[in-house]
Amino acid sequence: MKKASEENKTIEKVVEDLDEMSANENERLEAYKRKLAIIDYNTSIDMAQKKGEKIGREEGKRTGRKEEQLKIAKKLKEKGVELAEIMDITELTQEEIEKI
Protein backbone atom coordinates (compact mmCIF):
# COMPACT_ATOMS: atom_id res chain seq x y z
CA MET A 1 0.00 0.00 0.00
CA LYS A 2 2.82 2.40 0.90
CA LYS A 3 4.67 1.71 -2.36
CA ALA A 4 1.49 2.27 -4.38
CA SER A 5 0.82 5.54 -2.57
CA GLU A 6 4.31 6.79 -3.42
CA GLU A 7 3.67 6.16 -7.11
CA ASN A 8 0.19 7.65 -7.30
CA LYS A 9 -0.87 10.95 -5.68
CA THR A 10 -4.53 9.93 -5.59
CA ILE A 11 -3.72 6.77 -3.65
CA GLU A 12 -1.47 8.82 -1.37
CA LYS A 13 -4.38 11.17 -0.61
CA VAL A 14 -6.70 8.24 0.13
CA VAL A 15 -4.12 6.72 2.47
CA GLU A 16 -3.79 10.05 4.29
CA ASP A 17 -7.57 10.30 4.62
CA LEU A 18 -7.79 6.73 5.94
CA ASP A 19 -5.08 7.48 8.49
CA GLU A 20 -7.03 10.52 9.65
CA MET A 21 -10.28 8.59 9.91
CA SER A 22 -8.65 5.89 11.98
CA ALA A 23 -7.02 8.41 14.33
CA ASN A 24 -8.63 9.29 17.61
CA GLU A 25 -10.95 12.26 17.92
CA ASN A 26 -8.23 14.70 19.05
CA GLU A 27 -5.98 13.73 16.16
CA ARG A 28 -8.86 14.15 13.69
CA LEU A 29 -9.61 17.57 15.14
CA GLU A 30 -5.96 18.63 14.85
CA ALA A 31 -5.81 17.38 11.25
CA TYR A 32 -8.99 19.30 10.46
CA LYS A 33 -7.53 22.46 12.04
CA ARG A 34 -4.37 22.05 9.96
CA LYS A 35 -6.40 21.75 6.77
CA LEU A 36 -8.42 24.85 7.67
CA ALA A 37 -5.22 26.78 8.42
CA ILE A 38 -3.78 25.78 5.04
CA ILE A 39 -6.97 26.80 3.25
CA ASP A 40 -7.03 30.10 5.15
CA TYR A 41 -3.38 30.78 4.32
CA ASN A 42 -3.85 29.98 0.62
CA THR A 43 -6.96 32.17 0.47
CA SER A 44 -5.12 35.06 2.13
CA ILE A 45 -2.23 34.76 -0.30
CA ASP A 46 -4.61 34.64 -3.27
CA MET A 47 -6.54 37.70 -2.07
CA ALA A 48 -3.31 39.64 -1.41
CA GLN A 49 -2.01 38.78 -4.86
CA LYS A 50 -5.24 39.93 -6.53
CA LYS A 51 -5.22 43.15 -4.51
CA GLY A 52 -1.59 43.78 -5.47
CA GLU A 53 -2.36 43.19 -9.13
CA LYS A 54 -5.29 45.63 -8.96
CA ILE A 55 -3.17 48.29 -7.27
CA GLY A 56 -0.45 47.78 -9.89
CA ARG A 57 -2.92 48.21 -12.75
CA GLU A 58 -4.36 51.37 -11.19
CA GLU A 59 -0.88 52.79 -10.59
CA GLY A 60 0.04 52.05 -14.19
CA LYS A 61 -3.02 53.91 -15.43
CA ARG A 62 -2.23 56.93 -13.27
CA THR A 63 1.39 56.99 -14.38
CA GLY A 64 0.41 56.72 -18.02
CA ARG A 65 -2.19 59.47 -17.68
CA LYS A 66 0.28 61.80 -15.95
CA GLU A 67 2.86 61.23 -18.69
CA GLU A 68 0.27 62.03 -21.33
CA GLN A 69 -0.75 65.21 -19.51
CA LEU A 70 2.89 66.32 -19.34
CA LYS A 71 3.41 65.67 -23.07
CA ILE A 72 0.36 67.76 -23.92
CA ALA A 73 1.43 70.54 -21.56
CA LYS A 74 4.87 70.62 -23.15
CA LYS A 75 3.41 70.97 -26.64
CA LEU A 76 1.02 73.69 -25.51
CA LYS A 77 3.83 75.52 -23.73
CA GLU A 78 5.99 75.34 -26.87
CA LYS A 79 3.13 76.86 -28.89
CA GLY A 80 2.92 79.76 -26.47
CA VAL A 81 -0.40 78.89 -24.84
CA GLU A 82 -0.96 80.75 -21.57
CA LEU A 83 -0.20 78.95 -18.33
CA ALA A 84 -3.78 79.22 -17.03
CA GLU A 85 -5.12 77.63 -20.18
CA ILE A 86 -2.56 74.80 -20.05
CA MET A 87 -3.55 74.18 -16.44
CA ASP A 88 -7.22 74.06 -17.43
CA ILE A 89 -6.65 71.70 -20.35
CA THR A 90 -4.20 69.29 -18.68
CA GLU A 91 -5.39 69.54 -15.06
CA LEU A 92 -1.74 69.91 -14.02
CA THR A 93 -0.54 72.34 -11.37
CA GLN A 94 1.43 75.47 -12.15
CA GLU A 95 4.52 73.87 -10.58
CA GLU A 96 4.23 70.77 -12.72
CA ILE A 97 3.94 72.82 -15.90
CA GLU A 98 6.81 75.14 -14.96
CA LYS A 99 9.12 72.14 -14.47
CA ILE A 100 8.68 71.16 -18.12
PDB file of N, CA and C in Angstrom:
ATOM      1  N   MET A   1       0.832  -1.186   0.000  1.00  0.00           N
ATOM      2  CA  MET A   1       0.000   0.000   0.000  1.00  0.00           C
ATOM      3  C   MET A   1       0.878   1.252   0.000  1.00  0.00           C
ATOM      4  N   LYS A   2       1.931   1.233   0.805  1.00  0.00           N
ATOM      5  CA  LYS A   2       2.823   2.395   0.897  1.00  0.00           C
ATOM      6  C   LYS A   2       3.524   2.635  -0.427  1.00  0.00           C
ATOM      7  N   LYS A   3       3.990   1.568  -1.076  1.00  0.00           N
ATOM      8  CA  LYS A   3       4.669   1.706  -2.360  1.00  0.00           C
ATOM      9  C   LYS A   3       3.718   2.258  -3.413  1.00  0.00           C
ATOM     10  N   ALA A   4       2.489   1.790  -3.416  1.00  0.00           N
ATOM     11  CA  ALA A   4       1.489   2.269  -4.378  1.00  0.00           C
ATOM     12  C   ALA A   4       1.190   3.743  -4.134  1.00  0.00           C
ATOM     13  N   SER A   5       1.125   4.140  -2.871  1.00  0.00           N
ATOM     14  CA  SER A   5       0.818   5.539  -2.567  1.00  0.00           C
ATOM     15  C   SER A   5       1.952   6.467  -2.991  1.00  0.00           C
ATOM     16  N   GLU A   6       3.180   5.978  -2.978  1.00  0.00           N
ATOM     17  CA  GLU A   6       4.310   6.790  -3.423  1.00  0.00           C
ATOM     18  C   GLU A   6       4.269   7.011  -4.931  1.00  0.00           C
ATOM     19  N   GLU A   7       3.699   6.075  -5.649  1.00  0.00           N
ATOM     20  CA  GLU A   7       3.669   6.155  -7.106  1.00  0.00           C
ATOM     21  C   GLU A   7       2.454   6.911  -7.630  1.00  0.00           C
ATOM     22  N   ASN A   8       1.428   7.032  -6.835  1.00  0.00           N
ATOM     23  CA  ASN A   8       0.195   7.651  -7.301  1.00  0.00           C
ATOM     24  C   ASN A   8      -0.310   8.644  -6.252  1.00  0.00           C
ATOM     25  N   LYS A   9      -0.446   9.899  -6.627  1.00  0.00           N
ATOM     26  CA  LYS A   9      -0.868  10.950  -5.684  1.00  0.00           C
ATOM     27  C   LYS A   9      -2.291  10.727  -5.182  1.00  0.00           C
ATOM     28  N   THR A  10      -3.157  10.182  -6.007  1.00  0.00           N
ATOM     29  CA  THR A  10      -4.534   9.926  -5.587  1.00  0.00           C
ATOM     30  C   THR A  10      -4.557   8.882  -4.485  1.00  0.00           C
ATOM     31  N   ILE A  11      -3.789   7.821  -4.664  1.00  0.00           N
ATOM     32  CA  ILE A  11      -3.718   6.775  -3.645  1.00  0.00           C
ATOM     33  C   ILE A  11      -3.105   7.348  -2.373  1.00  0.00           C
ATOM     34  N   GLU A  12      -2.099   8.191  -2.531  1.00  0.00           N
ATOM     35  CA  GLU A  12      -1.468   8.822  -1.367  1.00  0.00           C
ATOM     36  C   GLU A  12      -2.490   9.631  -0.572  1.00  0.00           C
ATOM     37  N   LYS A  13      -3.343  10.366  -1.282  1.00  0.00           N
ATOM     38  CA  LYS A  13      -4.377  11.167  -0.610  1.00  0.00           C
ATOM     39  C   LYS A  13      -5.377  10.265   0.118  1.00  0.00           C
ATOM     40  N   VAL A  14      -5.759   9.180  -0.501  1.00  0.00           N
ATOM     41  CA  VAL A  14      -6.705   8.243   0.127  1.00  0.00           C
ATOM     42  C   VAL A  14      -6.082   7.639   1.382  1.00  0.00           C
ATOM     43  N   VAL A  15      -4.814   7.279   1.313  1.00  0.00           N
ATOM     44  CA  VAL A  15      -4.117   6.718   2.475  1.00  0.00           C
ATOM     45  C   VAL A  15      -4.080   7.740   3.605  1.00  0.00           C
ATOM     46  N   GLU A  16      -3.796   8.991   3.268  1.00  0.00           N
ATOM     47  CA  GLU A  16      -3.790  10.046   4.295  1.00  0.00           C
ATOM     48  C   GLU A  16      -5.170  10.184   4.939  1.00  0.00           C
ATOM     49  N   ASP A  17      -6.211  10.175   4.099  1.00  0.00           N
ATOM     50  CA  ASP A  17      -7.574  10.300   4.621  1.00  0.00           C
ATOM     51  C   ASP A  17      -7.939   9.117   5.514  1.00  0.00           C
ATOM     52  N   LEU A  18      -7.523   7.909   5.114  1.00  0.00           N
ATOM     53  CA  LEU A  18      -7.793   6.727   5.943  1.00  0.00           C
ATOM     54  C   LEU A  18      -7.062   6.823   7.279  1.00  0.00           C
ATOM     55  N   ASP A  19      -5.839   7.297   7.239  1.00  0.00           N
ATOM     56  CA  ASP A  19      -5.085   7.480   8.491  1.00  0.00           C
ATOM     57  C   ASP A  19      -5.802   8.458   9.409  1.00  0.00           C
ATOM     58  N   GLU A  20      -6.316   9.537   8.836  1.00  0.00           N
ATOM     59  CA  GLU A  20      -7.027  10.524   9.648  1.00  0.00           C
ATOM     60  C   GLU A  20      -8.308   9.940  10.242  1.00  0.00           C
ATOM     61  N   MET A  21      -9.033   9.168   9.424  1.00  0.00           N
ATOM     62  CA  MET A  21     -10.285   8.588   9.908  1.00  0.00           C
ATOM     63  C   MET A  21     -10.041   7.583  11.025  1.00  0.00           C
ATOM     64  N   SER A  22      -8.921   6.893  10.961  1.00  0.00           N
ATOM     65  CA  SER A  22      -8.650   5.892  11.981  1.00  0.00           C
ATOM     66  C   SER A  22      -8.020   6.499  13.231  1.00  0.00           C
ATOM     67  N   ALA A  23      -7.621   7.745  13.174  1.00  0.00           N
ATOM     68  CA  ALA A  23      -7.020   8.411  14.334  1.00  0.00           C
ATOM     69  C   ALA A  23      -8.091   8.683  15.381  1.00  0.00           C
ATOM     70  N   ASN A  24      -7.643   8.980  16.572  1.00  0.00           N
ATOM     71  CA  ASN A  24      -8.627   9.288  17.614  1.00  0.00           C
ATOM     72  C   ASN A  24      -9.212  10.673  17.369  1.00  0.00           C
ATOM     73  N   GLU A  25     -10.205  11.016  18.144  1.00  0.00           N
ATOM     74  CA  GLU A  25     -10.947  12.258  17.923  1.00  0.00           C
ATOM     75  C   GLU A  25     -10.046  13.497  17.985  1.00  0.00           C
ATOM     76  N   ASN A  26      -9.144  13.548  18.936  1.00  0.00           N
ATOM     77  CA  ASN A  26      -8.234  14.701  19.047  1.00  0.00           C
ATOM     78  C   ASN A  26      -7.332  14.830  17.831  1.00  0.00           C
ATOM     79  N   GLU A  27      -6.833  13.705  17.348  1.00  0.00           N
ATOM     80  CA  GLU A  27      -5.979  13.730  16.164  1.00  0.00           C
ATOM     81  C   GLU A  27      -6.762  14.181  14.934  1.00  0.00           C
ATOM     82  N   ARG A  28      -8.014  13.716  14.807  1.00  0.00           N
ATOM     83  CA  ARG A  28      -8.859  14.145  13.689  1.00  0.00           C
ATOM     84  C   ARG A  28      -9.113  15.647  13.753  1.00  0.00           C
ATOM     85  N   LEU A  29      -9.369  16.148  14.952  1.00  0.00           N
ATOM     86  CA  LEU A  29      -9.611  17.572  15.135  1.00  0.00           C
ATOM     87  C   LEU A  29      -8.376  18.387  14.757  1.00  0.00           C
ATOM     88  N   GLU A  30      -7.202  17.932  15.183  1.00  0.00           N
ATOM     89  CA  GLU A  30      -5.961  18.631  14.847  1.00  0.00           C
ATOM     90  C   GLU A  30      -5.714  18.602  13.334  1.00  0.00           C
ATOM     91  N   ALA A  31      -5.990  17.473  12.702  1.00  0.00           N
ATOM     92  CA  ALA A  31      -5.813  17.375  11.250  1.00  0.00           C
ATOM     93  C   ALA A  31      -6.773  18.329  10.542  1.00  0.00           C
ATOM     94  N   TYR A  32      -7.990  18.401  11.039  1.00  0.00           N
ATOM     95  CA  TYR A  32      -8.990  19.304  10.463  1.00  0.00           C
ATOM     96  C   TYR A  32      -8.539  20.759  10.623  1.00  0.00           C
ATOM     97  N   LYS A  33      -8.015  21.100  11.794  1.00  0.00           N
ATOM     98  CA  LYS A  33      -7.530  22.462  12.041  1.00  0.00           C
ATOM     99  C   LYS A  33      -6.373  22.803  11.101  1.00  0.00           C
ATOM    100  N   ARG A  34      -5.486  21.828  10.878  1.00  0.00           N
ATOM    101  CA  ARG A  34      -4.368  22.052   9.960  1.00  0.00           C
ATOM    102  C   ARG A  34      -4.869  22.326   8.544  1.00  0.00           C
ATOM    103  N   LYS A  35      -5.842  21.549   8.106  1.00  0.00           N
ATOM    104  CA  LYS A  35      -6.401  21.750   6.770  1.00  0.00           C
ATOM    105  C   LYS A  35      -7.040  23.128   6.659  1.00  0.00           C
ATOM    106  N   LEU A  36      -7.790  23.532   7.684  1.00  0.00           N
ATOM    107  CA  LEU A  36      -8.415  24.850   7.668  1.00  0.00           C
ATOM    108  C   LEU A  36      -7.366  25.956   7.637  1.00  0.00           C
ATOM    109  N   ALA A  37      -6.296  25.783   8.396  1.00  0.00           N
ATOM    110  CA  ALA A  37      -5.223  26.778   8.419  1.00  0.00           C
ATOM    111  C   ALA A  37      -4.570  26.891   7.036  1.00  0.00           C
ATOM    112  N   ILE A  38      -4.368  25.773   6.376  1.00  0.00           N
ATOM    113  CA  ILE A  38      -3.776  25.784   5.039  1.00  0.00           C
ATOM    114  C   ILE A  38      -4.713  26.483   4.050  1.00  0.00           C
ATOM    115  N   ILE A  39      -5.984  26.168   4.127  1.00  0.00           N
ATOM    116  CA  ILE A  39      -6.970  26.798   3.246  1.00  0.00           C
ATOM    117  C   ILE A  39      -7.012  28.306   3.505  1.00  0.00           C
ATOM    118  N   ASP A  40      -7.010  28.682   4.779  1.00  0.00           N
ATOM    119  CA  ASP A  40      -7.029  30.098   5.150  1.00  0.00           C
ATOM    120  C   ASP A  40      -5.786  30.818   4.626  1.00  0.00           C
ATOM    121  N   TYR A  41      -4.640  30.193   4.794  1.00  0.00           N
ATOM    122  CA  TYR A  41      -3.380  30.775   4.317  1.00  0.00           C
ATOM    123  C   TYR A  41      -3.415  30.954   2.803  1.00  0.00           C
ATOM    124  N   ASN A  42      -3.817  29.914   2.087  1.00  0.00           N
ATOM    125  CA  ASN A  42      -3.853  29.985   0.624  1.00  0.00           C
ATOM    126  C   ASN A  42      -4.844  31.043   0.142  1.00  0.00           C
ATOM    127  N   THR A  43      -5.975  31.156   0.823  1.00  0.00           N
ATOM    128  CA  THR A  43      -6.965  32.170   0.470  1.00  0.00           C
ATOM    129  C   THR A  43      -6.407  33.566   0.705  1.00  0.00           C
ATOM    130  N   SER A  44      -5.725  33.755   1.823  1.00  0.00           N
ATOM    131  CA  SER A  44      -5.125  35.061   2.128  1.00  0.00           C
ATOM    132  C   SER A  44      -4.085  35.447   1.089  1.00  0.00           C
ATOM    133  N   ILE A  45      -3.262  34.502   0.707  1.00  0.00           N
ATOM    134  CA  ILE A  45      -2.231  34.756  -0.304  1.00  0.00           C
ATOM    135  C   ILE A  45      -2.886  35.124  -1.634  1.00  0.00           C
ATOM    136  N   ASP A  46      -3.912  34.386  -2.011  1.00  0.00           N
ATOM    137  CA  ASP A  46      -4.607  34.641  -3.272  1.00  0.00           C
ATOM    138  C   ASP A  46      -5.242  36.030  -3.270  1.00  0.00           C
ATOM    139  N   MET A  47      -5.898  36.382  -2.168  1.00  0.00           N
ATOM    140  CA  MET A  47      -6.536  37.695  -2.067  1.00  0.00           C
ATOM    141  C   MET A  47      -5.493  38.809  -2.111  1.00  0.00           C
ATOM    142  N   ALA A  48      -4.380  38.627  -1.416  1.00  0.00           N
ATOM    143  CA  ALA A  48      -3.313  39.636  -1.410  1.00  0.00           C
ATOM    144  C   ALA A  48      -2.726  39.806  -2.802  1.00  0.00           C
ATOM    145  N   GLN A  49      -2.560  38.713  -3.505  1.00  0.00           N
ATOM    146  CA  GLN A  49      -2.013  38.777  -4.858  1.00  0.00           C
ATOM    147  C   GLN A  49      -2.968  39.531  -5.779  1.00  0.00           C
ATOM    148  N   LYS A  50      -4.262  39.235  -5.692  1.00  0.00           N
ATOM    149  CA  LYS A  50      -5.243  39.925  -6.533  1.00  0.00           C
ATOM    150  C   LYS A  50      -5.295  41.411  -6.201  1.00  0.00           C
ATOM    151  N   LYS A  51      -5.212  41.741  -4.918  1.00  0.00           N
ATOM    152  CA  LYS A  51      -5.215  43.148  -4.511  1.00  0.00           C
ATOM    153  C   LYS A  51      -3.976  43.854  -5.046  1.00  0.00           C
ATOM    154  N   GLY A  52      -2.827  43.206  -4.948  1.00  0.00           N
ATOM    155  CA  GLY A  52      -1.585  43.779  -5.466  1.00  0.00           C
ATOM    156  C   GLY A  52      -1.649  44.007  -6.966  1.00  0.00           C
ATOM    157  N   GLU A  53      -2.228  43.055  -7.682  1.00  0.00           N
ATOM    158  CA  GLU A  53      -2.358  43.194  -9.129  1.00  0.00           C
ATOM    159  C   GLU A  53      -3.264  44.376  -9.475  1.00  0.00           C
ATOM    160  N   LYS A  54      -4.353  44.522  -8.727  1.00  0.00           N
ATOM    161  CA  LYS A  54      -5.286  45.626  -8.962  1.00  0.00           C
ATOM    162  C   LYS A  54      -4.603  46.966  -8.697  1.00  0.00           C
ATOM    163  N   ILE A  55      -3.881  47.052  -7.604  1.00  0.00           N
ATOM    164  CA  ILE A  55      -3.167  48.294  -7.273  1.00  0.00           C
ATOM    165  C   ILE A  55      -2.140  48.614  -8.360  1.00  0.00           C
ATOM    166  N   GLY A  56      -1.440  47.593  -8.826  1.00  0.00           N
ATOM    167  CA  GLY A  56      -0.452  47.782  -9.886  1.00  0.00           C
ATOM    168  C   GLY A  56      -1.079  48.298 -11.170  1.00  0.00           C
ATOM    169  N   ARG A  57      -2.230  47.745 -11.541  1.00  0.00           N
ATOM    170  CA  ARG A  57      -2.922  48.209 -12.748  1.00  0.00           C
ATOM    171  C   ARG A  57      -3.355  49.660 -12.601  1.00  0.00           C
ATOM    172  N   GLU A  58      -3.906  50.002 -11.423  1.00  0.00           N
ATOM    173  CA  GLU A  58      -4.356  51.370 -11.188  1.00  0.00           C
ATOM    174  C   GLU A  58      -3.179  52.345 -11.211  1.00  0.00           C
ATOM    175  N   GLU A  59      -2.072  51.941 -10.611  1.00  0.00           N
ATOM    176  CA  GLU A  59      -0.879  52.793 -10.592  1.00  0.00           C
ATOM    177  C   GLU A  59      -0.358  53.003 -12.016  1.00  0.00           C
ATOM    178  N   GLY A  60      -0.384  51.945 -12.803  1.00  0.00           N
ATOM    179  CA  GLY A  60       0.043  52.052 -14.195  1.00  0.00           C
ATOM    180  C   GLY A  60      -0.815  53.015 -14.992  1.00  0.00           C
ATOM    181  N   LYS A  61      -2.119  52.983 -14.748  1.00  0.00           N
ATOM    182  CA  LYS A  61      -3.022  53.905 -15.434  1.00  0.00           C
ATOM    183  C   LYS A  61      -2.722  55.348 -15.042  1.00  0.00           C
ATOM    184  N   ARG A  62      -2.516  55.569 -13.733  1.00  0.00           N
ATOM    185  CA  ARG A  62      -2.229  56.927 -13.266  1.00  0.00           C
ATOM    186  C   ARG A  62      -0.923  57.444 -13.848  1.00  0.00           C
ATOM    187  N   THR A  63       0.078  56.599 -13.852  1.00  0.00           N
ATOM    188  CA  THR A  63       1.389  56.992 -14.378  1.00  0.00           C
ATOM    189  C   THR A  63       1.286  57.323 -15.859  1.00  0.00           C
ATOM    190  N   GLY A  64       0.587  56.488 -16.594  1.00  0.00           N
ATOM    191  CA  GLY A  64       0.412  56.723 -18.024  1.00  0.00           C
ATOM    192  C   GLY A  64      -0.364  57.996 -18.298  1.00  0.00           C
ATOM    193  N   ARG A  65      -1.382  58.254 -17.508  1.00  0.00           N
ATOM    194  CA  ARG A  65      -2.188  59.465 -17.679  1.00  0.00           C
ATOM    195  C   ARG A  65      -1.346  60.700 -17.386  1.00  0.00           C
ATOM    196  N   LYS A  66      -0.561  60.665 -16.328  1.00  0.00           N
ATOM    197  CA  LYS A  66       0.278  61.802 -15.955  1.00  0.00           C
ATOM    198  C   LYS A  66       1.291  62.088 -17.059  1.00  0.00           C
ATOM    199  N   GLU A  67       1.891  61.048 -17.603  1.00  0.00           N
ATOM    200  CA  GLU A  67       2.859  61.233 -18.688  1.00  0.00           C
ATOM    201  C   GLU A  67       2.207  61.882 -19.898  1.00  0.00           C
ATOM    202  N   GLU A  68       0.998  61.453 -20.201  1.00  0.00           N
ATOM    203  CA  GLU A  68       0.273  62.029 -21.335  1.00  0.00           C
ATOM    204  C   GLU A  68      -0.045  63.504 -21.079  1.00  0.00           C
ATOM    205  N   GLN A  69      -0.462  63.819 -19.861  1.00  0.00           N
ATOM    206  CA  GLN A  69      -0.751  65.213 -19.511  1.00  0.00           C
ATOM    207  C   GLN A  69       0.501  66.081 -19.665  1.00  0.00           C
ATOM    208  N   LEU A  70       1.641  65.561 -19.234  1.00  0.00           N
ATOM    209  CA  LEU A  70       2.889  66.317 -19.338  1.00  0.00           C
ATOM    210  C   LEU A  70       3.301  66.535 -20.800  1.00  0.00           C
ATOM    211  N   LYS A  71       3.103  65.526 -21.642  1.00  0.00           N
ATOM    212  CA  LYS A  71       3.410  65.673 -23.069  1.00  0.00           C
ATOM    213  C   LYS A  71       2.558  66.781 -23.691  1.00  0.00           C
ATOM    214  N   ILE A  72       1.281  66.753 -23.378  1.00  0.00           N
ATOM    215  CA  ILE A  72       0.361  67.759 -23.921  1.00  0.00           C
ATOM    216  C   ILE A  72       0.748  69.144 -23.417  1.00  0.00           C
ATOM    217  N   ALA A  73       1.041  69.250 -22.129  1.00  0.00           N
ATOM    218  CA  ALA A  73       1.426  70.541 -21.556  1.00  0.00           C
ATOM    219  C   ALA A  73       2.685  71.077 -22.233  1.00  0.00           C
ATOM    220  N   LYS A  74       3.627  70.199 -22.498  1.00  0.00           N
ATOM    221  CA  LYS A  74       4.873  70.619 -23.147  1.00  0.00           C
ATOM    222  C   LYS A  74       4.589  71.181 -24.536  1.00  0.00           C
ATOM    223  N   LYS A  75       3.749  70.493 -25.299  1.00  0.00           N
ATOM    224  CA  LYS A  75       3.407  70.967 -26.644  1.00  0.00           C
ATOM    225  C   LYS A  75       2.694  72.320 -26.585  1.00  0.00           C
ATOM    226  N   LEU A  76       1.756  72.425 -25.635  1.00  0.00           N
ATOM    227  CA  LEU A  76       1.024  73.688 -25.507  1.00  0.00           C
ATOM    228  C   LEU A  76       1.955  74.820 -25.104  1.00  0.00           C
ATOM    229  N   LYS A  77       2.865  74.519 -24.196  1.00  0.00           N
ATOM    230  CA  LYS A  77       3.833  75.524 -23.733  1.00  0.00           C
ATOM    231  C   LYS A  77       4.726  75.971 -24.893  1.00  0.00           C
ATOM    232  N   GLU A  78       5.153  75.026 -25.712  1.00  0.00           N
ATOM    233  CA  GLU A  78       5.989  75.341 -26.869  1.00  0.00           C
ATOM    234  C   GLU A  78       5.248  76.215 -27.891  1.00  0.00           C
ATOM    235  N   LYS A  79       3.935  76.075 -27.949  1.00  0.00           N
ATOM    236  CA  LYS A  79       3.128  76.855 -28.895  1.00  0.00           C
ATOM    237  C   LYS A  79       2.747  78.214 -28.316  1.00  0.00           C
ATOM    238  N   GLY A  80       3.162  78.453 -27.062  1.00  0.00           N
ATOM    239  CA  GLY A  80       2.923  79.759 -26.467  1.00  0.00           C
ATOM    240  C   GLY A  80       1.564  79.920 -25.805  1.00  0.00           C
ATOM    241  N   VAL A  81       0.899  78.815 -25.509  1.00  0.00           N
ATOM    242  CA  VAL A  81      -0.395  78.887 -24.836  1.00  0.00           C
ATOM    243  C   VAL A  81      -0.177  79.363 -23.399  1.00  0.00           C
ATOM    244  N   GLU A  82      -1.094  80.183 -22.916  1.00  0.00           N
ATOM    245  CA  GLU A  82      -0.957  80.749 -21.573  1.00  0.00           C
ATOM    246  C   GLU A  82      -1.013  79.651 -20.505  1.00  0.00           C
ATOM    247  N   LEU A  83      -0.309  79.906 -19.429  1.00  0.00           N
ATOM    248  CA  LEU A  83      -0.198  78.952 -18.326  1.00  0.00           C
ATOM    249  C   LEU A  83      -1.568  78.544 -17.790  1.00  0.00           C
ATOM    250  N   ALA A  84      -2.446  79.511 -17.577  1.00  0.00           N
ATOM    251  CA  ALA A  84      -3.779  79.218 -17.027  1.00  0.00           C
ATOM    252  C   ALA A  84      -4.552  78.276 -17.936  1.00  0.00           C
ATOM    253  N   GLU A  85      -4.412  78.474 -19.238  1.00  0.00           N
ATOM    254  CA  GLU A  85      -5.123  77.625 -20.184  1.00  0.00           C
ATOM    255  C   GLU A  85      -4.532  76.211 -20.202  1.00  0.00           C
ATOM    256  N   ILE A  86      -3.211  76.119 -20.116  1.00  0.00           N
ATOM    257  CA  ILE A  86      -2.559  74.800 -20.053  1.00  0.00           C
ATOM    258  C   ILE A  86      -3.023  74.064 -18.798  1.00  0.00           C
ATOM    259  N   MET A  87      -3.088  74.788 -17.695  1.00  0.00           N
ATOM    260  CA  MET A  87      -3.546  74.176 -16.439  1.00  0.00           C
ATOM    261  C   MET A  87      -4.977  73.667 -16.581  1.00  0.00           C
ATOM    262  N   ASP A  88      -5.817  74.441 -17.246  1.00  0.00           N
ATOM    263  CA  ASP A  88      -7.223  74.057 -17.431  1.00  0.00           C
ATOM    264  C   ASP A  88      -7.337  72.823 -18.320  1.00  0.00           C
ATOM    265  N   ILE A  89      -6.576  72.806 -19.386  1.00  0.00           N
ATOM    266  CA  ILE A  89      -6.654  71.700 -20.348  1.00  0.00           C
ATOM    267  C   ILE A  89      -6.078  70.409 -19.774  1.00  0.00           C
ATOM    268  N   THR A  90      -4.908  70.495 -19.127  1.00  0.00           N
ATOM    269  CA  THR A  90      -4.200  69.292 -18.680  1.00  0.00           C
ATOM    270  C   THR A  90      -4.514  68.870 -17.250  1.00  0.00           C
ATOM    271  N   GLU A  91      -5.103  69.780 -16.485  1.00  0.00           N
ATOM    272  CA  GLU A  91      -5.389  69.542 -15.064  1.00  0.00           C
ATOM    273  C   GLU A  91      -4.107  69.364 -14.247  1.00  0.00           C
ATOM    274  N   LEU A  92      -2.999  69.920 -14.761  1.00  0.00           N
ATOM    275  CA  LEU A  92      -1.740  69.906 -14.024  1.00  0.00           C
ATOM    276  C   LEU A  92      -1.637  71.184 -13.196  1.00  0.00           C
ATOM    277  N   THR A  93      -0.775  71.148 -12.187  1.00  0.00           N
ATOM    278  CA  THR A  93      -0.542  72.338 -11.370  1.00  0.00           C
ATOM    279  C   THR A  93       0.445  73.256 -12.064  1.00  0.00           C
ATOM    280  N   GLN A  94       0.490  74.490 -11.588  1.00  0.00           N
ATOM    281  CA  GLN A  94       1.426  75.466 -12.146  1.00  0.00           C
ATOM    282  C   GLN A  94       2.859  74.959 -11.984  1.00  0.00           C
ATOM    283  N   GLU A  95       3.176  74.381 -10.831  1.00  0.00           N
ATOM    284  CA  GLU A  95       4.516  73.868 -10.583  1.00  0.00           C
ATOM    285  C   GLU A  95       4.899  72.758 -11.550  1.00  0.00           C
ATOM    286  N   GLU A  96       3.951  71.877 -11.799  1.00  0.00           N
ATOM    287  CA  GLU A  96       4.228  70.769 -12.719  1.00  0.00           C
ATOM    288  C   GLU A  96       4.519  71.286 -14.129  1.00  0.00           C
ATOM    289  N   ILE A  97       3.766  72.270 -14.536  1.00  0.00           N
ATOM    290  CA  ILE A  97       3.935  72.822 -15.898  1.00  0.00           C
ATOM    291  C   ILE A  97       5.250  73.599 -15.980  1.00  0.00           C
ATOM    292  N   GLU A  98       5.583  74.349 -14.942  1.00  0.00           N
ATOM    293  CA  GLU A  98       6.810  75.139 -14.961  1.00  0.00           C
ATOM    294  C   GLU A  98       8.059  74.264 -14.988  1.00  0.00           C
ATOM    295  N   LYS A  99       7.971  73.053 -14.474  1.00  0.00           N
ATOM    296  CA  LYS A  99       9.117  72.139 -14.468  1.00  0.00           C
ATOM    297  C   LYS A  99       9.445  71.601 -15.862  1.00  0.00           C
ATOM    298  N   ILE A 100       8.494  71.708 -16.772  1.00  0.00           N
ATOM    299  CA  ILE A 100       8.676  71.164 -18.119  1.00  0.00           C
ATOM    300  C   ILE A 100       9.709  71.961 -18.878  1.00  0.00           C
TER     301      ILE A 100
END
